[in-house]
Amino acid sequence: MNFAPSEVEIFGAYVPPSLIAVVLGVAAMELTVRVLTPRRLARYLLFPEVVMLSMTVIYTIFISTFVVPA
């Protein structure tokens, strides 16, 4: 049986692993935007705001599945 903590302690505060996954997902999306913007690749997207939101969701799911155990 594989034991995974249901809460993570950060500076004395217990936070759920999903909150950490969401914060890391938003950070990964922000990094992706900062890479795409100087190269002017974001102009090829039809709705950039929706694409950025979708990337946040995809990154969050990926991080919560493989990086942060729930």
N, C-alpha and C. Protein backbone atom coordinates (compact mmCIF):
# COMPACT_ATOMS: atom_id res chain seq x y z
N MET A 1 0.84 -1.17 0.00
CA MET A 1 0.00 0.00 0.00
C MET A 1 0.89 1.24 0.00
N ASN A 2 0.56 2.17 -0.87
CA ASN A 2 1.35 3.37 -1.03
C ASN A 2 0.73 4.49 -0.20
N PHE A 3 1.47 5.03 0.78
CA PHE A 3 0.94 6.08 1.63
C PHE A 3 1.27 7.44 1.04
N ALA A 4 0.25 8.27 0.88
CA ALA A 4 0.44 9.64 0.43
C ALA A 4 -0.25 10.57 1.42
N PRO A 5 0.41 11.64 1.83
CA PRO A 5 -0.22 12.54 2.80
C PRO A 5 -1.42 13.25 2.20
N SER A 6 -2.43 13.47 3.04
CA SER A 6 -3.61 14.18 2.55
C SER A 6 -3.44 15.69 2.67
N GLU A 7 -2.45 16.13 3.43
CA GLU A 7 -2.15 17.55 3.56
C GLU A 7 -0.64 17.75 3.53
N VAL A 8 -0.24 18.93 3.11
CA VAL A 8 1.18 19.26 3.04
C VAL A 8 1.42 20.45 3.96
N GLU A 9 2.48 20.39 4.75
CA GLU A 9 2.79 21.48 5.66
C GLU A 9 3.76 22.45 4.99
N ILE A 10 3.38 23.71 4.96
CA ILE A 10 4.24 24.76 4.41
C ILE A 10 4.30 25.87 5.45
N PHE A 11 5.45 26.06 6.05
CA PHE A 11 5.67 27.09 7.08
C PHE A 11 4.65 26.99 8.21
N GLY A 12 4.32 25.79 8.62
CA GLY A 12 3.42 25.59 9.74
C GLY A 12 1.95 25.59 9.38
N ALA A 13 1.61 25.83 8.12
CA ALA A 13 0.22 25.82 7.69
C ALA A 13 -0.02 24.58 6.84
N TYR A 14 -1.11 23.90 7.08
CA TYR A 14 -1.45 22.71 6.31
C TYR A 14 -2.33 23.11 5.14
N VAL A 15 -1.88 22.77 3.94
CA VAL A 15 -2.63 23.09 2.72
C VAL A 15 -2.90 21.80 1.95
N PRO A 16 -4.02 21.76 1.22
CA PRO A 16 -4.31 20.56 0.44
C PRO A 16 -3.38 20.46 -0.77
N PRO A 17 -3.07 19.25 -1.20
CA PRO A 17 -2.18 19.10 -2.36
C PRO A 17 -2.75 19.70 -3.65
N SER A 18 -4.07 19.78 -3.74
CA SER A 18 -4.66 20.36 -4.95
C SER A 18 -4.35 21.85 -5.05
N LEU A 19 -4.24 22.54 -3.91
CA LEU A 19 -3.88 23.95 -3.95
C LEU A 19 -2.45 24.13 -4.47
N ILE A 20 -1.57 23.27 -4.07
CA ILE A 20 -0.19 23.32 -4.57
C ILE A 20 -0.16 23.05 -6.07
N ALA A 21 -0.97 22.08 -6.52
CA ALA A 21 -1.03 21.76 -7.95
C ALA A 21 -1.58 22.93 -8.76
N VAL A 22 -2.57 23.63 -8.23
CA VAL A 22 -3.13 24.78 -8.94
C VAL A 22 -2.11 25.92 -9.02
N VAL A 23 -1.43 26.18 -7.93
CA VAL A 23 -0.42 27.25 -7.93
C VAL A 23 0.71 26.92 -8.91
N LEU A 24 1.15 25.67 -8.92
CA LEU A 24 2.20 25.28 -9.87
C LEU A 24 1.68 25.30 -11.31
N GLY A 25 0.41 24.97 -11.52
CA GLY A 25 -0.18 25.03 -12.86
C GLY A 25 -0.26 26.45 -13.39
N VAL A 26 -0.63 27.38 -12.52
CA VAL A 26 -0.67 28.80 -12.92
C VAL A 26 0.74 29.30 -13.20
N ALA A 27 1.70 28.89 -12.39
CA ALA A 27 3.09 29.30 -12.62
C ALA A 27 3.62 28.73 -13.94
N ALA A 28 3.28 27.48 -14.26
CA ALA A 28 3.72 26.89 -15.53
C ALA A 28 3.07 27.59 -16.71
N MET A 29 1.80 27.97 -16.58
CA MET A 29 1.13 28.70 -17.65
C MET A 29 1.77 30.07 -17.84
N GLU A 30 2.09 30.74 -16.74
CA GLU A 30 2.73 32.05 -16.84
C GLU A 30 4.11 31.94 -17.50
N LEU A 31 4.84 30.89 -17.20
CA LEU A 31 6.13 30.67 -17.85
C LEU A 31 5.94 30.43 -19.35
N THR A 32 4.93 29.67 -19.71
CA THR A 32 4.65 29.41 -21.12
C THR A 32 4.28 30.70 -21.85
N VAL A 33 3.48 31.54 -21.23
CA VAL A 33 3.10 32.82 -21.84
C VAL A 33 4.32 33.70 -22.02
N ARG A 34 5.20 33.71 -21.02
CA ARG A 34 6.40 34.53 -21.12
C ARG A 34 7.36 34.03 -22.20
N VAL A 35 7.27 32.75 -22.55
CA VAL A 35 8.09 32.22 -23.64
C VAL A 35 7.44 32.52 -25.00
N LEU A 36 6.09 32.41 -25.07
CA LEU A 36 5.40 32.61 -26.34
C LEU A 36 5.32 34.08 -26.75
N THR A 37 5.18 34.98 -25.80
CA THR A 37 4.94 36.38 -26.12
C THR A 37 6.11 37.05 -26.85
N PRO A 38 7.36 36.93 -26.40
CA PRO A 38 8.44 37.59 -27.15
C PRO A 38 8.64 37.02 -28.56
N ARG A 39 8.26 35.79 -28.75
CA ARG A 39 8.39 35.17 -30.07
C ARG A 39 7.19 35.44 -30.96
N ARG A 40 6.22 36.17 -30.43
CA ARG A 40 5.00 36.57 -31.13
C ARG A 40 4.22 35.37 -31.65
N LEU A 41 4.24 34.27 -30.90
CA LEU A 41 3.49 33.08 -31.30
C LEU A 41 2.05 33.12 -30.79
N ALA A 42 1.77 33.94 -29.80
CA ALA A 42 0.42 34.02 -29.25
C ALA A 42 -0.55 34.67 -30.23
N ARG A 43 -0.06 35.39 -31.21
CA ARG A 43 -0.96 36.04 -32.16
C ARG A 43 -1.64 35.04 -33.09
N TYR A 44 -1.14 33.82 -33.16
CA TYR A 44 -1.76 32.81 -34.00
C TYR A 44 -2.91 32.08 -33.32
N LEU A 45 -3.15 32.37 -32.06
CA LEU A 45 -4.23 31.74 -31.32
C LEU A 45 -5.51 32.53 -31.54
N LEU A 46 -6.63 31.81 -31.68
CA LEU A 46 -7.90 32.48 -31.94
C LEU A 46 -8.38 33.26 -30.72
N PHE A 47 -8.46 32.60 -29.59
CA PHE A 47 -8.83 33.24 -28.33
C PHE A 47 -7.72 32.97 -27.31
N PRO A 48 -6.74 33.85 -27.22
CA PRO A 48 -5.59 33.59 -26.34
C PRO A 48 -5.97 33.40 -24.87
N GLU A 49 -6.99 34.13 -24.40
CA GLU A 49 -7.39 34.01 -22.99
C GLU A 49 -7.93 32.62 -22.69
N VAL A 50 -8.71 32.08 -23.62
CA VAL A 50 -9.27 30.74 -23.43
C VAL A 50 -8.16 29.69 -23.52
N VAL A 51 -7.21 29.90 -24.40
CA VAL A 51 -6.08 28.98 -24.52
C VAL A 51 -5.24 28.99 -23.25
N MET A 52 -5.03 30.17 -22.68
CA MET A 52 -4.26 30.26 -21.44
C MET A 52 -4.99 29.58 -20.29
N LEU A 53 -6.31 29.74 -20.22
CA LEU A 53 -7.09 29.05 -19.20
C LEU A 53 -7.03 27.54 -19.39
N SER A 54 -7.10 27.10 -20.64
CA SER A 54 -7.00 25.67 -20.93
C SER A 54 -5.63 25.11 -20.57
N MET A 55 -4.58 25.89 -20.84
CA MET A 55 -3.25 25.44 -20.47
C MET A 55 -3.11 25.34 -18.96
N THR A 56 -3.74 26.26 -18.23
CA THR A 56 -3.70 26.19 -16.77
C THR A 56 -4.35 24.91 -16.28
N VAL A 57 -5.49 24.57 -16.84
CA VAL A 57 -6.19 23.34 -16.45
C VAL A 57 -5.36 22.11 -16.80
N ILE A 58 -4.79 22.08 -17.99
CA ILE A 58 -3.98 20.93 -18.41
C ILE A 58 -2.74 20.78 -17.52
N TYR A 59 -2.05 21.89 -17.27
CA TYR A 59 -0.88 21.84 -16.40
C TYR A 59 -1.26 21.40 -14.99
N THR A 60 -2.38 21.89 -14.48
CA THR A 60 -2.81 21.52 -13.13
C THR A 60 -3.12 20.04 -13.04
N ILE A 61 -3.81 19.50 -14.03
CA ILE A 61 -4.12 18.07 -14.04
C ILE A 61 -2.84 17.25 -14.13
N PHE A 62 -1.93 17.66 -15.00
CA PHE A 62 -0.67 16.94 -15.15
C PHE A 62 0.13 16.96 -13.85
N ILE A 63 0.22 18.13 -13.23
CA ILE A 63 1.00 18.26 -11.99
C ILE A 63 0.35 17.49 -10.86
N SER A 64 -0.98 17.55 -10.75
CA SER A 64 -1.64 16.84 -9.67
C SER A 64 -1.58 15.32 -9.86
N THR A 65 -1.45 14.88 -11.09
CA THR A 65 -1.37 13.45 -11.36
C THR A 65 0.03 12.90 -11.12
N PHE A 66 1.05 13.60 -11.59
CA PHE A 66 2.40 13.04 -11.61
C PHE A 66 3.36 13.66 -10.59
N VAL A 67 3.13 14.88 -10.14
CA VAL A 67 4.11 15.55 -9.29
C VAL A 67 3.66 15.58 -7.83
N VAL A 68 2.46 16.07 -7.58
CA VAL A 68 1.94 16.22 -6.22
C VAL A 68 0.98 15.07 -5.94
N PRO A 69 1.34 14.16 -5.06
CA PRO A 69 0.42 13.06 -4.76
C PRO A 69 -0.78 13.55 -3.97
N ALA A 70 -1.94 13.07 -4.34
CA ALA A 70 -3.17 13.49 -3.65
C ALA A 70 -3.54 12.51 -2.56
